Amino acid sequence: MTILKDVNMTYYTATSRISFGWLGIVFSERGLAQLCFPQRTQDAARRALESEKRRLDTLNFDAHPTEARPYWDALNGYFEGRVKDFSLPLDLEGATNFEMAVWETAQRIPYGETRSYGWIAEAMRRAGSARAVGGALGRNPLPIIIPCHRVVRADGSLGGFSAGLEWKRRLLDLERKFNRREHV
């Protein structure tokens, strides 16, 4: 897959209050491009988006919150346990073929379950590339949507996470909680 940079694409930013705090997103007409984890204030969410726009920094950003509704509905649904799989359009402009393969494989990990970095490498038929898998997951611009929090070390310990281990723990606990409710 070849991904070309479209310098004419406009990216929009939006923030919204959810149960866990202020969430920030970046999206284009192609789909959701980036999100930042919930912050305590709206200003903090905006600052987090600014600091995270590394792969989109040459593009034009304008506020356009009305078109963000499908993204807010899906993300709120996730945090409330109603959405377990996302079918949102994604804009992964600038991703490498390897990153795309890692992220697509991570999306196959079932809600509430975990797999190892090595499992992803094996599933991609790239045995021995667990460290590179971890690097690609660290560059994931859409954590939660591309569930890199479900990827752990081979020994079951948490490993790393771009938003910090506390968020990884919270997301895994949230998914386990809603999975238990579903199976009772």
Protein backbone atom coordinates (compact mmCIF):
# COMPACT_ATOMS: atom_id res chain seq x y z
CA MET A 1 0.00 0.00 0.00
CA THR A 2 1.39 3.40 -0.95
CA ILE A 3 0.30 6.36 1.12
CA LEU A 4 0.85 9.75 -0.44
CA LYS A 5 0.85 13.00 1.49
CA ASP A 6 -2.02 15.23 0.39
CA VAL A 7 -0.90 18.77 1.18
CA ASN A 8 -4.31 20.12 0.14
CA MET A 9 -6.16 18.11 2.79
CA THR A 10 -7.66 20.15 5.61
CA TYR A 11 -7.59 18.66 9.09
CA TYR A 12 -10.05 19.72 11.76
CA THR A 13 -9.64 19.63 15.52
CA ALA A 14 -12.41 19.23 18.06
CA THR A 15 -12.68 18.64 21.80
CA SER A 16 -15.53 17.24 23.83
CA ARG A 17 -16.19 16.37 27.45
CA ILE A 18 -16.68 12.66 28.11
CA SER A 19 -16.96 10.73 31.37
CA PHE A 20 -13.16 10.48 31.71
CA GLY A 21 -12.36 14.15 30.94
CA TRP A 22 -11.80 16.27 27.83
CA LEU A 23 -10.99 14.26 24.72
CA GLY A 24 -9.41 15.80 21.63
CA ILE A 25 -9.54 14.55 18.05
CA VAL A 26 -8.18 15.49 14.64
CA PHE A 27 -10.09 14.43 11.52
CA SER A 28 -10.30 15.09 7.80
CA GLU A 29 -12.92 14.37 5.17
CA ARG A 30 -11.27 10.92 4.88
CA GLY A 31 -11.70 10.04 8.55
CA LEU A 32 -10.35 10.19 12.07
CA ALA A 33 -6.63 10.99 12.02
CA GLN A 34 -5.58 11.38 15.65
CA LEU A 35 -6.83 11.48 19.20
CA CYS A 36 -5.44 12.49 22.53
CA PHE A 37 -6.38 10.80 25.77
CA PRO A 38 -8.83 12.52 28.09
CA GLN A 39 -7.39 15.54 29.86
CA ARG A 40 -8.62 17.47 32.92
CA THR A 41 -9.51 20.63 30.98
CA GLN A 42 -10.44 21.59 27.44
CA ASP A 43 -7.30 23.73 27.17
CA ALA A 44 -5.19 20.73 28.19
CA ALA A 45 -6.85 18.63 25.47
CA ARG A 46 -6.12 21.34 22.90
CA ARG A 47 -2.48 21.52 24.02
CA ALA A 48 -2.21 17.72 23.82
CA LEU A 49 -3.48 17.81 20.24
CA GLU A 50 -0.94 20.49 19.35
CA SER A 51 1.91 18.45 20.81
CA GLU A 52 0.73 15.29 19.04
CA LYS A 53 0.27 16.65 15.52
CA ARG A 54 3.78 15.60 14.47
CA ARG A 55 2.71 13.73 11.34
CA LEU A 56 0.23 16.41 10.29
CA ASP A 57 2.28 19.50 11.11
CA THR A 58 2.45 20.83 7.56
CA LEU A 59 -1.30 20.69 7.10
CA ASN A 60 -3.98 23.30 7.72
CA PHE A 61 -5.98 22.97 10.94
CA ASP A 62 -9.41 24.55 11.37
CA ALA A 63 -12.09 23.94 14.00
CA HIS A 64 -15.09 22.07 12.61
CA PRO A 65 -16.85 20.37 15.54
CA THR A 66 -20.22 19.61 13.92
CA GLU A 67 -18.76 16.90 11.70
CA ALA A 68 -17.12 15.29 14.73
CA ARG A 69 -20.43 13.85 16.01
CA PRO A 70 -19.89 10.26 14.71
CA TYR A 71 -16.47 10.17 16.36
CA TRP A 72 -17.80 11.47 19.69
CA ASP A 73 -20.67 8.97 19.62
CA ALA A 74 -18.29 6.07 19.02
CA LEU A 75 -15.72 7.18 21.62
CA ASN A 76 -18.37 7.89 24.27
CA GLY A 77 -19.86 4.48 23.47
CA TYR A 78 -16.48 2.87 24.05
CA PHE A 79 -16.01 4.49 27.46
CA GLU A 80 -19.58 3.49 28.41
CA GLY A 81 -19.10 -0.12 27.26
CA ARG A 82 -21.55 0.09 24.35
CA VAL A 83 -18.99 0.13 21.51
CA LYS A 84 -16.52 -2.73 21.36
CA ASP A 85 -15.46 -2.54 17.72
CA PHE A 86 -15.04 0.63 15.71
CA SER A 87 -16.17 0.96 12.12
CA LEU A 88 -15.10 4.57 11.73
CA PRO A 89 -13.29 5.78 8.62
CA LEU A 90 -9.63 6.42 9.45
CA ASP A 91 -7.13 8.79 7.88
CA LEU A 92 -3.71 7.27 8.48
CA GLU A 93 -1.86 9.65 6.17
CA GLY A 94 1.89 9.17 6.36
CA ALA A 95 1.91 5.69 7.90
CA THR A 96 4.41 3.19 6.55
CA ASN A 97 3.37 -0.18 5.14
CA PHE A 98 4.80 -1.87 8.23
CA GLU A 99 2.90 0.43 10.60
CA MET A 100 -0.33 -0.20 8.69
CA ALA A 101 0.20 -3.96 8.91
CA VAL A 102 0.88 -3.77 12.67
CA TRP A 103 -2.15 -1.55 13.30
CA GLU A 104 -4.44 -3.75 11.19
CA THR A 105 -3.26 -6.80 13.12
CA ALA A 106 -3.80 -5.05 16.47
CA GLN A 107 -7.38 -4.30 15.42
CA ARG A 108 -8.02 -8.06 15.29
CA ILE A 109 -7.37 -8.45 19.02
CA PRO A 110 -10.78 -9.06 20.63
CA TYR A 111 -12.22 -6.50 23.04
CA GLY A 112 -11.18 -7.27 26.61
CA GLU A 113 -8.34 -9.60 25.61
CA THR A 114 -4.59 -9.11 25.20
CA ARG A 115 -1.94 -10.45 22.86
CA SER A 116 1.83 -10.11 22.91
CA TYR A 117 4.07 -8.05 20.66
CA GLY A 118 5.42 -11.39 19.44
CA TRP A 119 1.89 -12.59 18.61
CA ILE A 120 1.45 -9.59 16.31
CA ALA A 121 4.82 -10.27 14.67
CA GLU A 122 3.88 -13.93 14.12
CA ALA A 123 0.41 -13.01 12.81
CA MET A 124 2.13 -10.74 10.28
CA ARG A 125 4.55 -13.57 9.37
CA ARG A 126 7.41 -11.43 10.68
CA ALA A 127 8.75 -13.61 13.50
CA GLY A 128 11.46 -11.87 15.48
CA SER A 129 10.16 -8.37 14.85
CA ALA A 130 8.43 -7.88 18.22
CA ARG A 131 10.58 -4.83 19.02
CA ALA A 132 9.70 -3.20 15.68
CA VAL A 133 6.03 -4.00 16.38
CA GLY A 134 6.36 -2.13 19.69
CA GLY A 135 7.84 0.85 17.87
CA ALA A 136 4.98 0.92 15.35
CA LEU A 137 2.42 0.69 18.16
CA GLY A 138 4.17 3.59 19.90
CA ARG A 139 3.55 5.70 16.79
CA ASN A 140 -0.15 4.79 16.63
CA PRO A 141 -2.04 8.10 16.29
CA LEU A 142 -5.38 6.50 17.23
CA PRO A 143 -5.00 4.58 20.48
CA ILE A 144 -8.32 3.02 21.53
CA ILE A 145 -9.50 2.90 17.88
CA ILE A 146 -6.38 0.91 17.00
CA PRO A 147 -6.22 -0.92 20.35
CA CYS A 148 -2.50 -0.91 21.11
CA HIS A 149 -3.42 -1.03 24.82
CA ARG A 150 -4.32 -4.71 24.24
CA VAL A 151 -0.71 -5.55 23.38
CA VAL A 152 1.46 -6.76 26.26
CA ARG A 153 4.84 -8.37 26.77
CA ALA A 154 5.30 -12.11 26.25
CA ASP A 155 5.30 -12.64 30.04
CA GLY A 156 1.92 -10.90 30.35
CA SER A 157 3.27 -7.70 31.92
CA LEU A 158 1.97 -4.45 30.48
CA GLY A 159 5.00 -3.29 28.49
CA GLY A 160 4.78 0.28 27.20
CA PHE A 161 2.00 2.61 26.14
CA SER A 162 2.13 6.03 24.52
CA ALA A 163 -0.34 7.51 27.04
CA GLY A 164 1.37 5.86 30.01
CA LEU A 165 0.84 2.60 31.85
CA GLU A 166 -1.93 4.03 34.05
CA TRP A 167 -4.09 4.62 30.96
CA LYS A 168 -3.23 1.17 29.59
CA ARG A 169 -4.33 -0.38 32.88
CA ARG A 170 -7.53 1.69 32.97
CA LEU A 171 -8.51 0.74 29.41
CA LEU A 172 -7.87 -2.97 29.99
CA ASP A 173 -9.82 -2.85 33.28
CA LEU A 174 -12.68 -1.01 31.57
CA GLU A 175 -12.90 -3.63 28.82
CA ARG A 176 -12.71 -6.53 31.27
CA LYS A 177 -15.45 -4.96 33.39
CA PHE A 178 -17.83 -4.60 30.45
CA ASN A 179 -16.92 -8.07 29.12
CA ARG A 180 -17.80 -9.60 32.52
CA ARG A 181 -21.17 -7.83 32.55
CA GLU A 182 -21.89 -9.20 29.10
CA HIS A 183 -21.16 -12.79 30.16
CA VAL A 184 -23.13 -12.77 33.43
